[in-house]
């Protein structure tokens, strides 16, 4: 499966509300690009995209680790902190988590091939 780049967009709550209002009034569908991730503030984005989490994203894209343990070894951090960061990245829509094997090993998967940032949207 070919992965697409995700577009990370910063929008104000007013812009999001206006988009919902316009869609409800005109029967238009909302902009639901599957590769768009919206943050309401730059501060929210910066809390998610910390340097250690950016390192995790890079390793997952390039190395495709088979488990959180393998990822923790690659980034030279302990399992618990890496797992916590992977969960945050998955909740933000930047990674996927898959349970695999008999022992339900947690596998971090790239959801996108990379990211584009759009601060003017």
PDB file of N, CA and C in Angstrom:
ATOM      1  N   UNK A   1       0.843  -1.174   0.000  1.00  0.00           N
ATOM      2  CA  UNK A   1       0.000   0.000   0.000  1.00  0.00           C
ATOM      3  C   UNK A   1       0.889   1.238   0.000  1.00  0.00           C
ATOM      4  N   UNK A   2       0.647   2.143  -0.927  1.00  0.00           N
ATOM      5  CA  UNK A   2       1.397   3.387  -1.001  1.00  0.00           C
ATOM      6  C   UNK A   2       0.802   4.385  -0.014  1.00  0.00           C
ATOM      7  N   UNK A   3       1.664   4.942   0.797  1.00  0.00           N
ATOM      8  CA  UNK A   3       1.231   5.937   1.766  1.00  0.00           C
ATOM      9  C   UNK A   3       1.326   7.324   1.156  1.00  0.00           C
ATOM     10  N   UNK A   4       0.400   8.186   1.539  1.00  0.00           N
ATOM     11  CA  UNK A   4       0.417   9.573   1.086  1.00  0.00           C
ATOM     12  C   UNK A   4       0.987  10.454   2.178  1.00  0.00           C
ATOM     13  N   UNK A   5       1.420  11.634   1.789  1.00  0.00           N
ATOM     14  CA  UNK A   5       1.841  12.622   2.776  1.00  0.00           C
ATOM     15  C   UNK A   5       0.597  13.197   3.448  1.00  0.00           C
ATOM     16  N   UNK A   6       0.734  13.479   4.725  1.00  0.00           N
ATOM     17  CA  UNK A   6      -0.347  14.132   5.461  1.00  0.00           C
ATOM     18  C   UNK A   6      -0.088  15.626   5.482  1.00  0.00           C
ATOM     19  N   UNK A   7      -1.157  16.378   5.429  1.00  0.00           N
ATOM     20  CA  UNK A   7      -1.047  17.837   5.541  1.00  0.00           C
ATOM     21  C   UNK A   7      -1.488  18.212   6.951  1.00  0.00           C
ATOM     22  N   UNK A   8      -0.580  18.838   7.686  1.00  0.00           N
ATOM     23  CA  UNK A   8      -0.882  19.300   9.032  1.00  0.00           C
ATOM     24  C   UNK A   8      -1.244  20.775   8.941  1.00  0.00           C
ATOM     25  N   UNK A   9      -2.441  21.103   9.411  1.00  0.00           N
ATOM     26  CA  UNK A   9      -3.012  22.436   9.250  1.00  0.00           C
ATOM     27  C   UNK A   9      -3.300  23.031  10.623  1.00  0.00           C
ATOM     28  N   UNK A  10      -3.022  24.319  10.761  1.00  0.00           N
ATOM     29  CA  UNK A  10      -3.391  25.068  11.964  1.00  0.00           C
ATOM     30  C   UNK A  10      -4.597  25.921  11.607  1.00  0.00           C
ATOM     31  N   UNK A  11      -5.688  25.708  12.323  1.00  0.00           N
ATOM     32  CA  UNK A  11      -6.903  26.501  12.105  1.00  0.00           C
ATOM     33  C   UNK A  11      -7.426  26.984  13.440  1.00  0.00           C
ATOM     34  N   UNK A  12      -8.043  28.134  13.408  1.00  0.00           N
ATOM     35  CA  UNK A  12      -8.666  28.637  14.633  1.00  0.00           C
ATOM     36  C   UNK A  12     -10.007  27.929  14.824  1.00  0.00           C
ATOM     37  N   UNK A  13     -10.489  27.957  16.052  1.00  0.00           N
ATOM     38  CA  UNK A  13     -11.783  27.347  16.341  1.00  0.00           C
ATOM     39  C   UNK A  13     -12.882  28.057  15.556  1.00  0.00           C
ATOM     40  N   UNK A  14     -12.706  29.367  15.324  1.00  0.00           N
ATOM     41  CA  UNK A  14     -13.693  30.108  14.545  1.00  0.00           C
ATOM     42  C   UNK A  14     -13.756  29.592  13.104  1.00  0.00           C
ATOM     43  N   UNK A  15     -12.595  29.296  12.529  1.00  0.00           N
ATOM     44  CA  UNK A  15     -12.564  28.761  11.163  1.00  0.00           C
ATOM     45  C   UNK A  15     -13.224  27.389  11.092  1.00  0.00           C
ATOM     46  N   UNK A  16     -12.983  26.575  12.083  1.00  0.00           N
ATOM     47  CA  UNK A  16     -13.598  25.238  12.114  1.00  0.00           C
ATOM     48  C   UNK A  16     -15.107  25.368  12.265  1.00  0.00           C
ATOM     49  N   UNK A  17     -15.559  26.247  13.155  1.00  0.00           N
ATOM     50  CA  UNK A  17     -17.000  26.465  13.335  1.00  0.00           C
ATOM     51  C   UNK A  17     -17.634  26.981  12.049  1.00  0.00           C
ATOM     52  N   UNK A  18     -16.966  27.915  11.377  1.00  0.00           N
ATOM     53  CA  UNK A  18     -17.497  28.465  10.127  1.00  0.00           C
ATOM     54  C   UNK A  18     -17.607  27.384   9.064  1.00  0.00           C
ATOM     55  N   UNK A  19     -16.624  26.519   8.988  1.00  0.00           N
ATOM     56  CA  UNK A  19     -16.672  25.420   8.021  1.00  0.00           C
ATOM     57  C   UNK A  19     -17.873  24.516   8.295  1.00  0.00           C
ATOM     58  N   UNK A  20     -18.115  24.212   9.577  1.00  0.00           N
ATOM     59  CA  UNK A  20     -19.274  23.390   9.946  1.00  0.00           C
ATOM     60  C   UNK A  20     -20.577  24.123   9.605  1.00  0.00           C
ATOM     61  N   UNK A  21     -20.633  25.407   9.895  1.00  0.00           N
ATOM     62  CA  UNK A  21     -21.844  26.198   9.620  1.00  0.00           C
ATOM     63  C   UNK A  21     -22.131  26.238   8.121  1.00  0.00           C
ATOM     64  N   UNK A  22     -21.098  26.512   7.324  1.00  0.00           N
ATOM     65  CA  UNK A  22     -21.272  26.556   5.865  1.00  0.00           C
ATOM     66  C   UNK A  22     -21.742  25.210   5.325  1.00  0.00           C
ATOM     67  N   UNK A  23     -21.187  24.154   5.843  1.00  0.00           N
ATOM     68  CA  UNK A  23     -21.560  22.818   5.369  1.00  0.00           C
ATOM     69  C   UNK A  23     -23.004  22.501   5.726  1.00  0.00           C
ATOM     70  N   UNK A  24     -23.433  22.878   6.932  1.00  0.00           N
ATOM     71  CA  UNK A  24     -24.801  22.570   7.343  1.00  0.00           C
ATOM     72  C   UNK A  24     -25.824  23.414   6.590  1.00  0.00           C
ATOM     73  N   UNK A  25     -25.479  24.649   6.237  1.00  0.00           N
ATOM     74  CA  UNK A  25     -26.407  25.523   5.535  1.00  0.00           C
ATOM     75  C   UNK A  25     -26.527  25.190   4.055  1.00  0.00           C
ATOM     76  N   UNK A  26     -25.454  24.743   3.470  1.00  0.00           N
ATOM     77  CA  UNK A  26     -25.486  24.537   2.020  1.00  0.00           C
ATOM     78  C   UNK A  26     -25.523  23.063   1.621  1.00  0.00           C
ATOM     79  N   UNK A  27     -25.670  22.207   2.594  1.00  0.00           N
ATOM     80  CA  UNK A  27     -25.689  20.773   2.328  1.00  0.00           C
ATOM     81  C   UNK A  27     -24.386  20.286   1.698  1.00  0.00           C
ATOM     82  N   UNK A  28     -23.336  21.084   1.821  1.00  0.00           N
ATOM     83  CA  UNK A  28     -22.035  20.662   1.313  1.00  0.00           C
ATOM     84  C   UNK A  28     -21.419  19.689   2.302  1.00  0.00           C
ATOM     85  N   UNK A  29     -20.571  18.830   1.784  1.00  0.00           N
ATOM     86  CA  UNK A  29     -19.858  17.949   2.699  1.00  0.00           C
ATOM     87  C   UNK A  29     -18.669  18.706   3.272  1.00  0.00           C
ATOM     88  N   UNK A  30     -18.321  18.347   4.492  1.00  0.00           N
ATOM     89  CA  UNK A  30     -17.167  18.976   5.121  1.00  0.00           C
ATOM     90  C   UNK A  30     -15.893  18.495   4.441  1.00  0.00           C
ATOM     91  N   UNK A  31     -14.884  19.325   4.511  1.00  0.00           N
ATOM     92  CA  UNK A  31     -13.579  18.971   3.977  1.00  0.00           C
ATOM     93  C   UNK A  31     -13.012  17.845   4.840  1.00  0.00           C
ATOM     94  N   UNK A  32     -13.129  16.618   4.357  1.00  0.00           N
ATOM     95  CA  UNK A  32     -12.704  15.478   5.146  1.00  0.00           C
ATOM     96  C   UNK A  32     -11.606  14.719   4.434  1.00  0.00           C
ATOM     97  N   UNK A  33     -10.608  15.432   3.983  1.00  0.00           N
ATOM     98  CA  UNK A  33      -9.486  14.768   3.370  1.00  0.00           C
ATOM     99  C   UNK A  33      -8.905  13.809   4.395  1.00  0.00           C
ATOM    100  N   UNK A  34      -8.713  12.566   3.986  1.00  0.00           N
ATOM    101  CA  UNK A  34      -8.204  11.582   4.930  1.00  0.00           C
ATOM    102  C   UNK A  34      -6.749  11.841   5.286  1.00  0.00           C
ATOM    103  N   UNK A  35      -6.107  12.689   4.539  1.00  0.00           N
ATOM    104  CA  UNK A  35      -4.703  12.963   4.831  1.00  0.00           C
ATOM    105  C   UNK A  35      -4.496  14.340   5.456  1.00  0.00           C
ATOM    106  N   UNK A  36      -5.536  14.916   6.033  1.00  0.00           N
ATOM    107  CA  UNK A  36      -5.413  16.224   6.674  1.00  0.00           C
ATOM    108  C   UNK A  36      -5.578  16.063   8.179  1.00  0.00           C
ATOM    109  N   UNK A  37      -4.648  16.646   8.914  1.00  0.00           N
ATOM    110  CA  UNK A  37      -4.696  16.633  10.369  1.00  0.00           C
ATOM    111  C   UNK A  37      -4.765  18.083  10.821  1.00  0.00           C
ATOM    112  N   UNK A  38      -5.806  18.428  11.569  1.00  0.00           N
ATOM    113  CA  UNK A  38      -6.039  19.814  11.964  1.00  0.00           C
ATOM    114  C   UNK A  38      -5.721  19.994  13.443  1.00  0.00           C
ATOM    115  N   UNK A  39      -4.911  20.996  13.731  1.00  0.00           N
ATOM    116  CA  UNK A  39      -4.650  21.437  15.102  1.00  0.00           C
ATOM    117  C   UNK A  39      -5.258  22.818  15.240  1.00  0.00           C
ATOM    118  N   UNK A  40      -5.827  23.096  16.408  1.00  0.00           N
ATOM    119  CA  UNK A  40      -6.489  24.381  16.616  1.00  0.00           C
ATOM    120  C   UNK A  40      -5.520  25.498  16.970  1.00  0.00           C
ATOM    121  N   UNK A  41      -4.364  25.128  17.468  1.00  0.00           N
ATOM    122  CA  UNK A  41      -3.373  26.153  17.809  1.00  0.00           C
ATOM    123  C   UNK A  41      -1.983  25.604  17.570  1.00  0.00           C
ATOM    124  N   UNK A  42      -1.067  26.488  17.293  1.00  0.00           N
ATOM    125  CA  UNK A  42       0.323  26.104  17.106  1.00  0.00           C
ATOM    126  C   UNK A  42       0.882  25.467  18.382  1.00  0.00           C
ATOM    127  N   UNK A  43       0.429  25.937  19.523  1.00  0.00           N
ATOM    128  CA  UNK A  43       0.887  25.377  20.791  1.00  0.00           C
ATOM    129  C   UNK A  43       0.508  23.904  20.911  1.00  0.00           C
ATOM    130  N   UNK A  44      -0.669  23.548  20.443  1.00  0.00           N
ATOM    131  CA  UNK A  44      -1.100  22.146  20.480  1.00  0.00           C
ATOM    132  C   UNK A  44      -0.206  21.290  19.592  1.00  0.00           C
ATOM    133  N   UNK A  45       0.100  21.786  18.422  1.00  0.00           N
ATOM    134  CA  UNK A  45       1.006  21.069  17.523  1.00  0.00           C
ATOM    135  C   UNK A  45       2.377  20.896  18.161  1.00  0.00           C
ATOM    136  N   UNK A  46       2.883  21.964  18.783  1.00  0.00           N
ATOM    137  CA  UNK A  46       4.225  21.888  19.367  1.00  0.00           C
ATOM    138  C   UNK A  46       4.264  20.956  20.574  1.00  0.00           C
ATOM    139  N   UNK A  47       3.136  20.783  21.268  1.00  0.00           N
ATOM    140  CA  UNK A  47       3.096  19.828  22.378  1.00  0.00           C
ATOM    141  C   UNK A  47       3.119  18.385  21.880  1.00  0.00           C
ATOM    142  N   UNK A  48       2.577  18.152  20.695  1.00  0.00           N
ATOM    143  CA  UNK A  48       2.571  16.800  20.122  1.00  0.00           C
ATOM    144  C   UNK A  48       3.888  16.502  19.414  1.00  0.00           C
ATOM    145  N   UNK A  49       4.385  17.451  18.652  1.00  0.00           N
ATOM    146  CA  UNK A  49       5.580  17.233  17.823  1.00  0.00           C
ATOM    147  C   UNK A  49       6.854  17.647  18.562  1.00  0.00           C
ATOM    148  N   UNK A  50       7.128  16.993  19.661  1.00  0.00           N
ATOM    149  CA  UNK A  50       8.352  17.253  20.417  1.00  0.00           C
ATOM    150  C   UNK A  50       9.538  16.588  19.710  1.00  0.00           C
ATOM    151  N   UNK A  51      10.755  17.014  19.986  1.00  0.00           N
ATOM    152  CA  UNK A  51      11.915  16.368  19.349  1.00  0.00           C
ATOM    153  C   UNK A  51      11.967  14.838  19.532  1.00  0.00           C
ATOM    154  N   UNK A  52      11.699  14.294  20.740  1.00  0.00           N
ATOM    155  CA  UNK A  52      11.710  12.832  20.854  1.00  0.00           C
ATOM    156  C   UNK A  52      10.627  12.155  19.995  1.00  0.00           C
ATOM    157  N   UNK A  53       9.473  12.792  19.867  1.00  0.00           N
ATOM    158  CA  UNK A  53       8.393  12.205  19.053  1.00  0.00           C
ATOM    159  C   UNK A  53       8.704  12.329  17.568  1.00  0.00           C
ATOM    160  N   UNK A  54       9.348  13.416  17.172  1.00  0.00           N
ATOM    161  CA  UNK A  54       9.788  13.532  15.780  1.00  0.00           C
ATOM    162  C   UNK A  54      10.806  12.444  15.460  1.00  0.00           C
ATOM    163  N   UNK A  55      11.670  12.143  16.415  1.00  0.00           N
ATOM    164  CA  UNK A  55      12.631  11.059  16.220  1.00  0.00           C
ATOM    165  C   UNK A  55      11.894   9.721  16.062  1.00  0.00           C
ATOM    166  N   UNK A  56      10.868   9.496  16.870  1.00  0.00           N
ATOM    167  CA  UNK A  56      10.065   8.273  16.749  1.00  0.00           C
ATOM    168  C   UNK A  56       9.433   8.188  15.374  1.00  0.00           C
ATOM    169  N   UNK A  57       8.828   9.274  14.913  1.00  0.00           N
ATOM    170  CA  UNK A  57       8.207   9.273  13.581  1.00  0.00           C
ATOM    171  C   UNK A  57       9.235   8.936  12.506  1.00  0.00           C
ATOM    172  N   UNK A  58      10.395   9.527  12.593  1.00  0.00           N
ATOM    173  CA  UNK A  58      11.447   9.286  11.597  1.00  0.00           C
ATOM    174  C   UNK A  58      11.860   7.820  11.589  1.00  0.00           C
ATOM    175  N   UNK A  59      12.065   7.251  12.768  1.00  0.00           N
ATOM    176  CA  UNK A  59      12.479   5.844  12.852  1.00  0.00           C
ATOM    177  C   UNK A  59      11.373   4.926  12.330  1.00  0.00           C
ATOM    178  N   UNK A  60      10.130   5.219  12.673  1.00  0.00           N
ATOM    179  CA  UNK A  60       9.021   4.384  12.190  1.00  0.00           C
ATOM    180  C   UNK A  60       8.935   4.453  10.670  1.00  0.00           C
ATOM    181  N   UNK A  61       9.097   5.637  10.083  1.00  0.00           N
ATOM    182  CA  UNK A  61       9.062   5.775   8.619  1.00  0.00           C
ATOM    183  C   UNK A  61      10.199   5.006   7.959  1.00  0.00           C
ATOM    184  N   UNK A  62      11.403   5.172   8.490  1.00  0.00           N
ATOM    185  CA  UNK A  62      12.589   4.635   7.821  1.00  0.00           C
ATOM    186  C   UNK A  62      12.903   3.190   8.180  1.00  0.00           C
ATOM    187  N   UNK A  63      12.803   2.849   9.460  1.00  0.00           N
ATOM    188  CA  UNK A  63      13.256   1.537   9.930  1.00  0.00           C
ATOM    189  C   UNK A  63      12.134   0.499  10.021  1.00  0.00           C
ATOM    190  N   UNK A  64      10.896   0.967  10.150  1.00  0.00           N
ATOM    191  CA  UNK A  64       9.742   0.075  10.293  1.00  0.00           C
ATOM    192  C   UNK A  64       9.966  -0.959  11.404  1.00  0.00           C
ATOM    193  N   UNK A  65      10.136  -0.505  12.653  1.00  0.00           N
ATOM    194  CA  UNK A  65      10.399  -1.430  13.751  1.00  0.00           C
ATOM    195  C   UNK A  65       9.238  -2.402  13.956  1.00  0.00           C
ATOM    196  N   UNK A  66       9.570  -3.598  14.393  1.00  0.00           N
ATOM    197  CA  UNK A  66       8.573  -4.659  14.533  1.00  0.00           C
ATOM    198  C   UNK A  66       7.818  -4.605  15.857  1.00  0.00           C
ATOM    199  N   UNK A  67       8.238  -3.733  16.754  1.00  0.00           N
ATOM    200  CA  UNK A  67       7.577  -3.622  18.055  1.00  0.00           C
ATOM    201  C   UNK A  67       8.007  -2.327  18.731  1.00  0.00           C
ATOM    202  N   UNK A  68       7.323  -2.015  19.829  1.00  0.00           N
ATOM    203  CA  UNK A  68       7.722  -0.853  20.626  1.00  0.00           C
ATOM    204  C   UNK A  68       9.109  -1.096  21.223  1.00  0.00           C
ATOM    205  N   UNK A  69       9.383  -2.329  21.610  1.00  0.00           N
ATOM    206  CA  UNK A  69      10.705  -2.655  22.160  1.00  0.00           C
ATOM    207  C   UNK A  69      11.803  -2.374  21.142  1.00  0.00           C
ATOM    208  N   UNK A  70      11.575  -2.784  19.899  1.00  0.00           N
ATOM    209  CA  UNK A  70      12.563  -2.532  18.844  1.00  0.00           C
ATOM    210  C   UNK A  70      12.706  -1.033  18.585  1.00  0.00           C
ATOM    211  N   UNK A  71      11.595  -0.311  18.622  1.00  0.00           N
ATOM    212  CA  UNK A  71      11.628   1.142  18.446  1.00  0.00           C
ATOM    213  C   UNK A  71      12.394   1.801  19.587  1.00  0.00           C
ATOM    214  N   UNK A  72      12.131   1.364  20.823  1.00  0.00           N
ATOM    215  CA  UNK A  72      12.822   1.927  21.986  1.00  0.00           C
ATOM    216  C   UNK A  72      14.334   1.711  21.866  1.00  0.00           C
ATOM    217  N   UNK A  73      14.711   0.553  21.364  1.00  0.00           N
ATOM    218  CA  UNK A  73      16.138   0.277  21.162  1.00  0.00           C
ATOM    219  C   UNK A  73      16.729   1.218  20.106  1.00  0.00           C
ATOM    220  N   UNK A  74      15.989   1.440  19.033  1.00  0.00           N
ATOM    221  CA  UNK A  74      16.468   2.328  17.957  1.00  0.00           C
ATOM    222  C   UNK A  74      16.681   3.761  18.441  1.00  0.00           C
ATOM    223  N   UNK A  75      15.774   4.243  19.279  1.00  0.00           N
ATOM    224  CA  UNK A  75      15.868   5.633  19.745  1.00  0.00           C
ATOM    225  C   UNK A  75      16.601   5.749  21.077  1.00  0.00           C
ATOM    226  N   UNK A  76      17.041   4.619  21.596  1.00  0.00           N
ATOM    227  CA  UNK A  76      17.811   4.560  22.841  1.00  0.00           C
ATOM    228  C   UNK A  76      17.071   5.207  24.018  1.00  0.00           C
ATOM    229  N   UNK A  77      15.814   4.804  24.165  1.00  0.00           N
ATOM    230  CA  UNK A  77      14.984   5.271  25.266  1.00  0.00           C
ATOM    231  C   UNK A  77      14.293   4.062  25.885  1.00  0.00           C
ATOM    232  N   UNK A  78      13.725   4.236  27.083  1.00  0.00           N
ATOM    233  CA  UNK A  78      13.058   3.115  27.735  1.00  0.00           C
ATOM    234  C   UNK A  78      11.691   2.853  27.098  1.00  0.00           C
ATOM    235  N   UNK A  79      11.241   1.613  27.231  1.00  0.00           N
ATOM    236  CA  UNK A  79       9.998   1.144  26.622  1.00  0.00           C
ATOM    237  C   UNK A  79       8.810   2.018  27.022  1.00  0.00           C
ATOM    238  N   UNK A  80       8.648   2.285  28.317  1.00  0.00           N
ATOM    239  CA  UNK A  80       7.463   3.004  28.789  1.00  0.00           C
ATOM    240  C   UNK A  80       7.337   4.402  28.195  1.00  0.00           C
ATOM    241  N   UNK A  81       8.427   5.146  28.128  1.00  0.00           N
ATOM    242  CA  UNK A  81       8.340   6.505  27.585  1.00  0.00           C
ATOM    243  C   UNK A  81       8.101   6.467  26.072  1.00  0.00           C
ATOM    244  N   UNK A  82       8.701   5.505  25.385  1.00  0.00           N
ATOM    245  CA  UNK A  82       8.462   5.374  23.942  1.00  0.00           C
ATOM    246  C   UNK A  82       7.019   4.975  23.687  1.00  0.00           C
ATOM    247  N   UNK A  83       6.501   4.026  24.458  1.00  0.00           N
ATOM    248  CA  UNK A  83       5.107   3.605  24.295  1.00  0.00           C
ATOM    249  C   UNK A  83       4.148   4.764  24.545  1.00  0.00           C
ATOM    250  N   UNK A  84       4.413   5.557  25.588  1.00  0.00           N
ATOM    251  CA  UNK A  84       3.567   6.721  25.879  1.00  0.00           C
ATOM    252  C   UNK A  84       3.587   7.703  24.710  1.00  0.00           C
ATOM    253  N   UNK A  85       4.764   7.946  24.138  1.00  0.00           N
ATOM    254  CA  UNK A  85       4.860   8.859  22.997  1.00  0.00           C
ATOM    255  C   UNK A  85       4.166   8.300  21.760  1.00  0.00           C
ATOM    256  N   UNK A  86       4.285   7.004  21.530  1.00  0.00           N
ATOM    257  CA  UNK A  86       3.608   6.378  20.384  1.00  0.00           C
ATOM    258  C   UNK A  86       2.092   6.508  20.537  1.00  0.00           C
ATOM    259  N   UNK A  87       1.579   6.321  21.752  1.00  0.00           N
ATOM    260  CA  UNK A  87       0.140   6.470  21.984  1.00  0.00           C
ATOM    261  C   UNK A  87      -0.317   7.890  21.677  1.00  0.00           C
ATOM    262  N   UNK A  88       0.461   8.881  22.087  1.00  0.00           N
ATOM    263  CA  UNK A  88       0.110  10.282  21.813  1.00  0.00           C
ATOM    264  C   UNK A  88       0.117  10.543  20.311  1.00  0.00           C
ATOM    265  N   UNK A  89       1.128  10.042  19.619  1.00  0.00           N
ATOM    266  CA  UNK A  89       1.204  10.222  18.168  1.00  0.00           C
ATOM    267  C   UNK A  89       0.043   9.527  17.462  1.00  0.00           C
ATOM    268  N   UNK A  90      -0.346   8.367  17.961  1.00  0.00           N
ATOM    269  CA  UNK A  90      -1.478   7.645  17.366  1.00  0.00           C
ATOM    270  C   UNK A  90      -2.790   8.390  17.633  1.00  0.00           C
ATOM    271  N   UNK A  91      -2.966   8.896  18.845  1.00  0.00           N
ATOM    272  CA  UNK A  91      -4.183   9.658  19.168  1.00  0.00           C
ATOM    273  C   UNK A  91      -4.295  10.918  18.324  1.00  0.00           C
ATOM    274  N   UNK A  92      -3.162  11.499  17.962  1.00  0.00           N
ATOM    275  CA  UNK A  92      -3.152  12.698  17.113  1.00  0.00           C
ATOM    276  C   UNK A  92      -3.339  12.345  15.637  1.00  0.00           C
ATOM    277  N   UNK A  93      -3.354  11.059  15.311  1.00  0.00           N
ATOM    278  CA  UNK A  93      -3.554  10.637  13.925  1.00  0.00           C
ATOM    279  C   UNK A  93      -2.275  10.587  13.109  1.00  0.00           C
ATOM    280  N   UNK A  94      -1.121  10.614  13.765  1.00  0.00           N
ATOM    281  CA  UNK A  94       0.148  10.652  13.049  1.00  0.00           C
ATOM    282  C   UNK A  94       0.762   9.270  12.833  1.00  0.00           C
ATOM    283  N   UNK A  95       0.382   8.312  13.655  1.00  0.00           N
ATOM    284  CA  UNK A  95       0.837   6.923  13.546  1.00  0.00           C
ATOM    285  C   UNK A  95      -0.356   6.007  13.745  1.00  0.00           C
ATOM    286  N   UNK A  96      -0.161   4.742  13.441  1.00  0.00           N
ATOM    287  CA  UNK A  96      -1.145   3.715  13.778  1.00  0.00           C
ATOM    288  C   UNK A  96      -0.483   2.721  14.710  1.00  0.00           C
ATOM    289  N   UNK A  97      -1.291   2.085  15.549  1.00  0.00           N
ATOM    290  CA  UNK A  97      -0.807   1.029  16.425  1.00  0.00           C
ATOM    291  C   UNK A  97      -1.543  -0.249  16.052  1.00  0.00           C
ATOM    292  N   UNK A  98      -0.784  -1.324  15.911  1.00  0.00           N
ATOM    293  CA  UNK A  98      -1.382  -2.616  15.567  1.00  0.00           C
ATOM    294  C   UNK A  98      -0.927  -3.648  16.589  1.00  0.00           C
ATOM    295  N   UNK A  99      -1.853  -4.458  17.054  1.00  0.00           N
ATOM    296  CA  UNK A  99      -1.522  -5.556  17.953  1.00  0.00           C
ATOM    297  C   UNK A  99      -1.204  -6.755  17.079  1.00  0.00           C
ATOM    298  N   UNK A 100      -0.119  -7.456  17.402  1.00  0.00           N
ATOM    299  CA  UNK A 100       0.324  -8.538  16.534  1.00  0.00           C
ATOM    300  C   UNK A 100       0.867  -9.698  17.360  1.00  0.00           C
ATOM    301  N   UNK A 101       0.640 -10.892  16.881  1.00  0.00           N
ATOM    302  CA  UNK A 101       1.218 -12.077  17.503  1.00  0.00           C
ATOM    303  C   UNK A 101       0.407 -12.601  18.666  1.00  0.00           C
ATOM    304  N   UNK A 102       0.871 -13.711  19.201  1.00  0.00           N
ATOM    305  CA  UNK A 102       0.184 -14.365  20.309  1.00  0.00           C
ATOM    306  C   UNK A 102       0.226 -13.551  21.591  1.00  0.00           C
ATOM    307  N   UNK A 103       1.302 -12.834  21.801  1.00  0.00           N
ATOM    308  CA  UNK A 103       1.448 -12.034  23.020  1.00  0.00           C
ATOM    309  C   UNK A 103       0.975 -10.602  22.822  1.00  0.00           C
ATOM    310  N   UNK A 104       0.262 -10.337  21.746  1.00  0.00           N
ATOM    311  CA  UNK A 104      -0.242  -8.996  21.433  1.00  0.00           C
ATOM    312  C   UNK A 104       0.862  -7.947  21.512  1.00  0.00           C
ATOM    313  N   UNK A 105       1.927  -8.192  20.770  1.00  0.00           N
ATOM    314  CA  UNK A 105       3.010  -7.227  20.663  1.00  0.00           C
ATOM    315  C   UNK A 105       2.477  -5.974  19.974  1.00  0.00           C
ATOM    316  N   UNK A 106       2.840  -4.808  20.479  1.00  0.00           N
ATOM    317  CA  UNK A 106       2.379  -3.537  19.932  1.00  0.00           C
ATOM    318  C   UNK A 106       3.352  -3.109  18.837  1.00  0.00           C
ATOM    319  N   UNK A 107       2.811  -2.905  17.628  1.00  0.00           N
ATOM    320  CA  UNK A 107       3.636  -2.530  16.484  1.00  0.00           C
ATOM    321  C   UNK A 107       3.257  -1.119  16.037  1.00  0.00           C
ATOM    322  N   UNK A 108       4.213  -0.183  16.038  1.00  0.00           N
ATOM    323  CA  UNK A 108       3.924   1.160  15.519  1.00  0.00           C
ATOM    324  C   UNK A 108       4.045   1.151  13.994  1.00  0.00           C
ATOM    325  N   UNK A 109       3.056   1.699  13.325  1.00  0.00           N
ATOM    326  CA  UNK A 109       3.044   1.712  11.861  1.00  0.00           C
ATOM    327  C   UNK A 109       2.922   3.133  11.336  1.00  0.00           C
ATOM    328  N   UNK A 110       3.646   3.396  10.261  1.00  0.00           N
ATOM    329  CA  UNK A 110       3.530   4.692   9.595  1.00  0.00           C
ATOM    330  C   UNK A 110       2.150   4.781   8.947  1.00  0.00           C
ATOM    331  N   UNK A 111       1.465   5.843   9.201  1.00  0.00           N
ATOM    332  CA  UNK A 111       0.159   6.090   8.590  1.00  0.00           C
ATOM    333  C   UNK A 111       0.316   6.910   7.311  1.00  0.00           C
ATOM    334  N   UNK A 112       1.411   7.675   7.240  1.00  0.00           N
ATOM    335  CA  UNK A 112       1.689   8.549   6.110  1.00  0.00           C
ATOM    336  C   UNK A 112       3.153   8.404   5.709  1.00  0.00           C
ATOM    337  N   UNK A 113       3.465   8.846   4.512  1.00  0.00           N
ATOM    338  CA  UNK A 113       4.854   8.788   4.035  1.00  0.00           C
ATOM    339  C   UNK A 113       5.673   9.985   4.523  1.00  0.00           C
ATOM    340  N   UNK A 114       4.997  10.993   5.018  1.00  0.00           N
ATOM    341  CA  UNK A 114       5.650  12.203   5.504  1.00  0.00           C
ATOM    342  C   UNK A 114       4.602  13.248   5.804  1.00  0.00           C
ATOM    343  N   UNK A 115       5.053  14.446   6.131  1.00  0.00           N
ATOM    344  CA  UNK A 115       4.135  15.510   6.519  1.00  0.00           C
ATOM    345  C   UNK A 115       4.464  16.802   5.807  1.00  0.00           C
ATOM    346  N   UNK A 116       3.422  17.534   5.456  1.00  0.00           N
ATOM    347  CA  UNK A 116       3.537  18.896   4.953  1.00  0.00           C
ATOM    348  C   UNK A 116       2.827  19.788   5.951  1.00  0.00           C
ATOM    349  N   UNK A 117       3.409  20.912   6.239  1.00  0.00           N
ATOM    350  CA  UNK A 117       2.806  21.833   7.197  1.00  0.00           C
ATOM    351  C   UNK A 117       2.224  23.029   6.463  1.00  0.00           C
ATOM    352  N   UNK A 118       0.980  23.377   6.827  1.00  0.00           N
ATOM    353  CA  UNK A 118       0.293  24.514   6.234  1.00  0.00           C
ATOM    354  C   UNK A 118      -0.202  25.402   7.367  1.00  0.00           C
ATOM    355  N   UNK A 119       0.542  26.454   7.645  1.00  0.00           N
ATOM    356  CA  UNK A 119       0.195  27.344   8.723  1.00  0.00           C
ATOM    357  C   UNK A 119      -0.726  28.468   8.271  1.00  0.00           C
ATOM    358  N   UNK A 120      -0.980  28.569   6.978  1.00  0.00           N
ATOM    359  CA  UNK A 120      -1.795  29.667   6.461  1.00  0.00           C
ATOM    360  C   UNK A 120      -3.195  29.231   6.103  1.00  0.00           C
ATOM    361  N   UNK A 121      -3.517  27.977   6.299  1.00  0.00           N
ATOM    362  CA  UNK A 121      -4.841  27.466   5.879  1.00  0.00           C
ATOM    363  C   UNK A 121      -5.930  28.003   6.765  1.00  0.00           C
TER     364      UNK A 121
END
